[in-house]
C-alpha atoms as a PDB file:
ATOM      1  CA  MET A   1     -63.915   3.031  -8.337  1.00  0.00           C
ATOM      2  CA  ARG A   2     -66.781   3.470  -5.931  1.00  0.00           C
ATOM      3  CA  MET A   3     -65.092   1.144  -3.421  1.00  0.00           C
ATOM      4  CA  ARG A   4     -61.942   3.312  -3.468  1.00  0.00           C
ATOM      5  CA  ALA A   5     -63.937   6.434  -2.761  1.00  0.00           C
ATOM      6  CA  VAL A   6     -65.663   4.776   0.188  1.00  0.00           C
ATOM      7  CA  LEU A   7     -62.307   3.507   1.498  1.00  0.00           C
ATOM      8  CA  ILE A   8     -60.663   6.936   1.167  1.00  0.00           C
ATOM      9  CA  PHE A   9     -63.650   8.614   2.816  1.00  0.00           C
ATOM     10  CA  GLY A  10     -63.508   6.099   5.695  1.00  0.00           C
ATOM     11  CA  LEU A  11     -59.782   6.670   6.191  1.00  0.00           C
ATOM     12  CA  CYS A  12     -60.346  10.430   6.246  1.00  0.00           C
ATOM     13  CA  LEU A  13     -63.027  10.024   8.917  1.00  0.00           C
ATOM     14  CA  ILE A  14     -60.741   7.865  11.044  1.00  0.00           C
ATOM     15  CA  ALA A  15     -57.823  10.310  10.647  1.00  0.00           C
ATOM     16  CA  SER A  16     -59.991  13.281  11.589  1.00  0.00           C
ATOM     17  CA  ALA A  17     -61.390  11.432  14.624  1.00  0.00           C
ATOM     18  CA  LEU A  18     -57.860  10.632  15.781  1.00  0.00           C
ATOM     19  CA  ALA A  19     -56.816  14.256  15.306  1.00  0.00           C
ATOM     20  CA  PHE A  20     -59.722  15.490  17.418  1.00  0.00           C
ATOM     21  CA  ALA A  21     -59.189  12.800  20.044  1.00  0.00           C
ATOM     22  CA  GLN A  22     -55.574  13.933  20.603  1.00  0.00           C
ATOM     23  CA  THR A  23     -56.459  17.612  20.933  1.00  0.00           C
ATOM     24  CA  PRO A  24     -56.504  18.426  24.642  1.00  0.00           C
ATOM     25  CA  SER A  25     -59.538  20.222  25.972  1.00  0.00           C
ATOM     26  CA  GLU A  26     -59.278  23.681  27.523  1.00  0.00           C
ATOM     27  CA  ALA A  27     -59.837  22.156  30.961  1.00  0.00           C
ATOM     28  CA  ASP A  28     -56.883  19.796  30.427  1.00  0.00           C
ATOM     29  CA  ILE A  29     -54.713  22.663  29.195  1.00  0.00           C
ATOM     30  CA  GLU A  30     -55.706  24.794  32.189  1.00  0.00           C
ATOM     31  CA  GLN A  31     -54.984  21.978  34.636  1.00  0.00           C
ATOM     32  CA  ARG A  32     -51.574  21.278  33.101  1.00  0.00           C
ATOM     33  CA  ALA A  33     -50.751  24.997  32.942  1.00  0.00           C
ATOM     34  CA  ARG A  34     -51.556  25.413  36.647  1.00  0.00           C
ATOM     35  CA  HIS A  35     -49.429  22.376  37.497  1.00  0.00           C
ATOM     36  CA  VAL A  36     -46.481  23.720  35.499  1.00  0.00           C
ATOM     37  CA  GLY A  37     -47.087  27.261  36.801  1.00  0.00           C
ATOM     38  CA  LYS A  38     -46.732  26.099  40.410  1.00  0.00           C
ATOM     39  CA  SER A  39     -43.165  24.947  39.719  1.00  0.00           C
ATOM     40  CA  LEU A  40     -42.072  28.171  37.977  1.00  0.00           C
ATOM     41  CA  ARG A  41     -40.989  31.283  39.897  1.00  0.00           C
ATOM     42  CA  CYS A  42     -42.189  34.747  39.003  1.00  0.00           C
ATOM     43  CA  VAL A  43     -39.013  36.617  38.131  1.00  0.00           C
ATOM     44  CA  VAL A  44     -40.524  39.870  39.434  1.00  0.00           C
ATOM     45  CA  CYS A  45     -41.952  38.665  42.761  1.00  0.00           C
ATOM     46  CA  GLN A  46     -39.133  36.137  43.304  1.00  0.00           C
ATOM     47  CA  ASN A  47     -40.916  34.235  46.038  1.00  0.00           C
ATOM     48  CA  GLN A  48     -44.169  33.342  44.314  1.00  0.00           C
ATOM     49  CA  SER A  49     -45.022  30.952  41.563  1.00  0.00           C
ATOM     50  CA  ILE A  50     -46.307  32.407  38.314  1.00  0.00           C
ATOM     51  CA  ASP A  51     -49.615  30.736  39.163  1.00  0.00           C
ATOM     52  CA  ASN A  52     -49.971  32.857  42.340  1.00  0.00           C
ATOM     53  CA  SER A  53     -48.398  36.114  41.169  1.00  0.00           C
ATOM     54  CA  ASN A  54     -50.327  39.164  39.964  1.00  0.00           C
ATOM     55  CA  ALA A  55     -47.330  40.740  38.216  1.00  0.00           C
ATOM     56  CA  PRO A  56     -47.776  41.522  34.511  1.00  0.00           C
ATOM     57  CA  LEU A  57     -44.681  39.498  33.633  1.00  0.00           C
ATOM     58  CA  ALA A  58     -46.126  36.476  35.456  1.00  0.00           C
ATOM     59  CA  ALA A  59     -49.307  36.839  33.374  1.00  0.00           C
ATOM     60  CA  ASP A  60     -47.162  36.846  30.227  1.00  0.00           C
ATOM     61  CA  MET A  61     -45.341  33.756  31.471  1.00  0.00           C
ATOM     62  CA  ARG A  62     -48.675  31.996  32.120  1.00  0.00           C
ATOM     63  CA  VAL A  63     -49.785  32.795  28.556  1.00  0.00           C
ATOM     64  CA  LEU A  64     -46.486  31.434  27.229  1.00  0.00           C
ATOM     65  CA  VAL A  65     -46.916  28.221  29.229  1.00  0.00           C
ATOM     66  CA  ARG A  66     -50.435  27.744  27.830  1.00  0.00           C
ATOM     67  CA  GLU A  67     -49.219  28.386  24.276  1.00  0.00           C
ATOM     68  CA  ARG A  68     -46.479  25.787  24.645  1.00  0.00           C
ATOM     69  CA  ILE A  69     -48.965  23.251  26.043  1.00  0.00           C
ATOM     70  CA  ARG A  70     -51.404  23.946  23.175  1.00  0.00           C
ATOM     71  CA  SER A  71     -48.575  23.417  20.689  1.00  0.00           C
ATOM     72  CA  GLY A  72     -48.126  19.898  22.070  1.00  0.00           C
ATOM     73  CA  ASP A  73     -45.199  20.254  24.472  1.00  0.00           C
ATOM     74  CA  SER A  74     -45.109  18.003  27.524  1.00  0.00           C
ATOM     75  CA  ASP A  75     -44.845  19.525  31.015  1.00  0.00           C
ATOM     76  CA  ASP A  76     -41.117  18.769  31.127  1.00  0.00           C
ATOM     77  CA  GLU A  77     -40.588  20.370  27.726  1.00  0.00           C
ATOM     78  CA  VAL A  78     -42.427  23.522  28.832  1.00  0.00           C
ATOM     79  CA  ILE A  79     -40.298  23.732  31.992  1.00  0.00           C
ATOM     80  CA  ALA A  80     -37.140  23.136  29.944  1.00  0.00           C
ATOM     81  CA  TYR A  81     -38.168  25.919  27.542  1.00  0.00           C
ATOM     82  CA  MET A  82     -38.816  28.363  30.384  1.00  0.00           C
ATOM     83  CA  ARG A  83     -35.551  27.350  32.027  1.00  0.00           C
ATOM     84  CA  GLU A  84     -33.686  27.944  28.769  1.00  0.00           C
ATOM     85  CA  ARG A  85     -35.339  31.321  28.366  1.00  0.00           C
ATOM     86  CA  TYR A  86     -35.053  32.602  31.976  1.00  0.00           C
ATOM     87  CA  GLY A  87     -32.314  30.407  33.465  1.00  0.00           C
ATOM     88  CA  ASP A  88     -32.384  28.225  36.588  1.00  0.00           C
ATOM     89  CA  PHE A  89     -33.745  31.178  38.564  1.00  0.00           C
ATOM     90  CA  VAL A  90     -37.215  30.528  37.134  1.00  0.00           C
ATOM     91  CA  LEU A  91     -37.422  27.165  38.931  1.00  0.00           C
ATOM     92  CA  LEU A  92     -38.918  27.265  42.431  1.00  0.00           C
ATOM     93  CA  LYS A  93     -36.887  24.162  43.313  1.00  0.00           C
ATOM     94  CA  PRO A  94     -33.489  24.689  41.708  1.00  0.00           C
ATOM     95  CA  PRO A  95     -31.525  21.553  40.794  1.00  0.00           C
ATOM     96  CA  LEU A  96     -28.424  20.485  42.717  1.00  0.00           C
ATOM     97  CA  GLN A  97     -25.583  21.694  40.513  1.00  0.00           C
ATOM     98  CA  ALA A  98     -22.150  23.180  41.021  1.00  0.00           C
ATOM     99  CA  ASN A  99     -23.570  26.711  41.026  1.00  0.00           C
ATOM    100  CA  THR A 100     -26.404  25.863  43.477  1.00  0.00           C
ATOM    101  CA  VAL A 101     -24.500  23.752  46.013  1.00  0.00           C
ATOM    102  CA  LEU A 102     -24.186  26.727  48.363  1.00  0.00           C
ATOM    103  CA  LEU A 103     -27.946  27.233  48.188  1.00  0.00           C
ATOM    104  CA  TRP A 104     -28.595  23.639  49.253  1.00  0.00           C
ATOM    105  CA  VAL A 105     -25.754  23.269  51.795  1.00  0.00           C
ATOM    106  CA  THR A 106     -26.081  26.582  53.677  1.00  0.00           C
ATOM    107  CA  PRO A 107     -29.204  25.658  55.694  1.00  0.00           C
ATOM    108  CA  LEU A 108     -27.658  22.348  56.713  1.00  0.00           C
ATOM    109  CA  GLY A 109     -24.411  24.083  57.636  1.00  0.00           C
ATOM    110  CA  LEU A 110     -26.212  26.660  59.761  1.00  0.00           C
ATOM    111  CA  LEU A 111     -28.160  23.912  61.502  1.00  0.00           C
ATOM    112  CA  ALA A 112     -24.937  22.028  62.256  1.00  0.00           C
ATOM    113  CA  VAL A 113     -23.274  25.192  63.635  1.00  0.00           C
ATOM    114  CA  PHE A 114     -26.284  25.885  65.855  1.00  0.00           C
ATOM    115  CA  LEU A 115     -26.368  22.311  67.179  1.00  0.00           C
ATOM    116  CA  ILE A 116     -22.636  22.396  67.974  1.00  0.00           C
ATOM    117  CA  TRP A 117     -23.070  25.743  69.758  1.00  0.00           C
ATOM    118  CA  TYR A 118     -26.023  24.376  71.736  1.00  0.00           C
ATOM    119  CA  VAL A 119     -24.154  21.229  72.827  1.00  0.00           C
ATOM    120  CA  VAL A 120     -21.111  23.265  73.884  1.00  0.00           C
ATOM    121  CA  GLN A 121     -23.285  25.733  75.831  1.00  0.00           C
ATOM    122  CA  SER A 122     -25.292  23.024  77.535  1.00  0.00           C
ATOM    123  CA  ARG A 123     -22.181  21.176  78.739  1.00  0.00           C
ATOM    124  CA  ARG A 124     -20.534  24.265  80.236  1.00  0.00           C
ATOM    125  CA  PRO A 125     -20.732  24.451  84.001  1.00  0.00           C
ATOM    126  CA  ARG A 126     -23.166  27.083  85.137  1.00  0.00           C
ATOM    127  CA  LYS A 127     -21.834  30.021  87.106  1.00  0.00           C
ATOM    128  CA  SER A 128     -23.522  30.176  90.456  1.00  0.00           C
ATOM    129  CA  VAL A 129     -24.806  33.515  91.645  1.00  0.00           C
ATOM    130  CA  GLU A 130     -24.150  34.293  95.255  1.00  0.00           C
ATOM    131  CA  LEU A 131     -26.862  36.250  97.005  1.00  0.00           C
ATOM    132  CA  VAL A 132     -25.539  38.923  99.311  1.00  0.00           C
ATOM    133  CA  PRO A 133     -27.878  40.076 102.075  1.00  0.00           C
ATOM    134  CA  LEU A 134     -28.810  43.747 102.252  1.00  0.00           C
ATOM    135  CA  SER A 135     -27.014  45.952 104.702  1.00  0.00           C
ATOM    136  CA  GLU A 136     -28.949  47.706 107.471  1.00  0.00           C
ATOM    137  CA  ASP A 137     -28.869  50.977 105.567  1.00  0.00           C
ATOM    138  CA  GLU A 138     -30.179  49.335 102.352  1.00  0.00           C
ATOM    139  CA  GLN A 139     -32.951  47.592 104.276  1.00  0.00           C
ATOM    140  CA  GLN A 140     -34.023  50.905 105.766  1.00  0.00           C
ATOM    141  CA  LYS A 141     -34.126  52.549 102.327  1.00  0.00           C
ATOM    142  CA  LEU A 142     -36.169  49.641 100.991  1.00  0.00           C
ATOM    143  CA  GLN A 143     -38.665  49.961 103.848  1.00  0.00           C
ATOM    144  CA  ASP A 144     -39.008  53.700 103.219  1.00  0.00           C
ATOM    145  CA  LEU A 145     -39.636  53.124  99.502  1.00  0.00           C
ATOM    146  CA  MET A 146     -42.243  50.474 100.208  1.00  0.00           C
ATOM    147  CA  LYS A 147     -44.078  52.796 102.598  1.00  0.00           C
ATOM    148  CA  LYS A 148     -44.177  55.563 100.002  1.00  0.00           C
ATOM    149  CA  THR A 149     -45.572  53.269  97.298  1.00  0.00           C
ATOM    150  CA  GLU A 150     -48.222  51.567  99.428  1.00  0.00           C
ATOM    151  CA  LEU A 151     -51.691  51.983  98.028  1.00  0.00           C
ATOM    152  CA  PRO A 152     -54.397  53.292 100.357  1.00  0.00           C
ATOM    153  CA  SER A 153     -57.008  50.686 101.156  1.00  0.00           C
END
């Protein structure tokens, strides 16, 4: 009987040690939350991550991320949860899908159009400008203007 009690007590100690060993520290939670927060867009600011935004909604999103991490979700599960809740818009780097192809292809298309325009413009023959000398009357007017604008020495 005494041996069973010692064995049960020992198993309880081991189980409690394992439970405490798997609990992430606040520093680990904070580090993971910042990592996840850098990949999520603030839906108010739209060009900042929730980690960098001062908007109240971004603060709520940061709290939600920390809660999910504390509950045991992995980083990918937290991102998937936020994506399910807010849609693909919440991702700073949206995935390549049918509805985001235009987003990914437009910069490349504009670059291609610019390069084609540049090649066409650079191969065009340049128009030469012919310099026509001033007439006597124009030269006289120019001399008069230069005399009027001369600075005294």
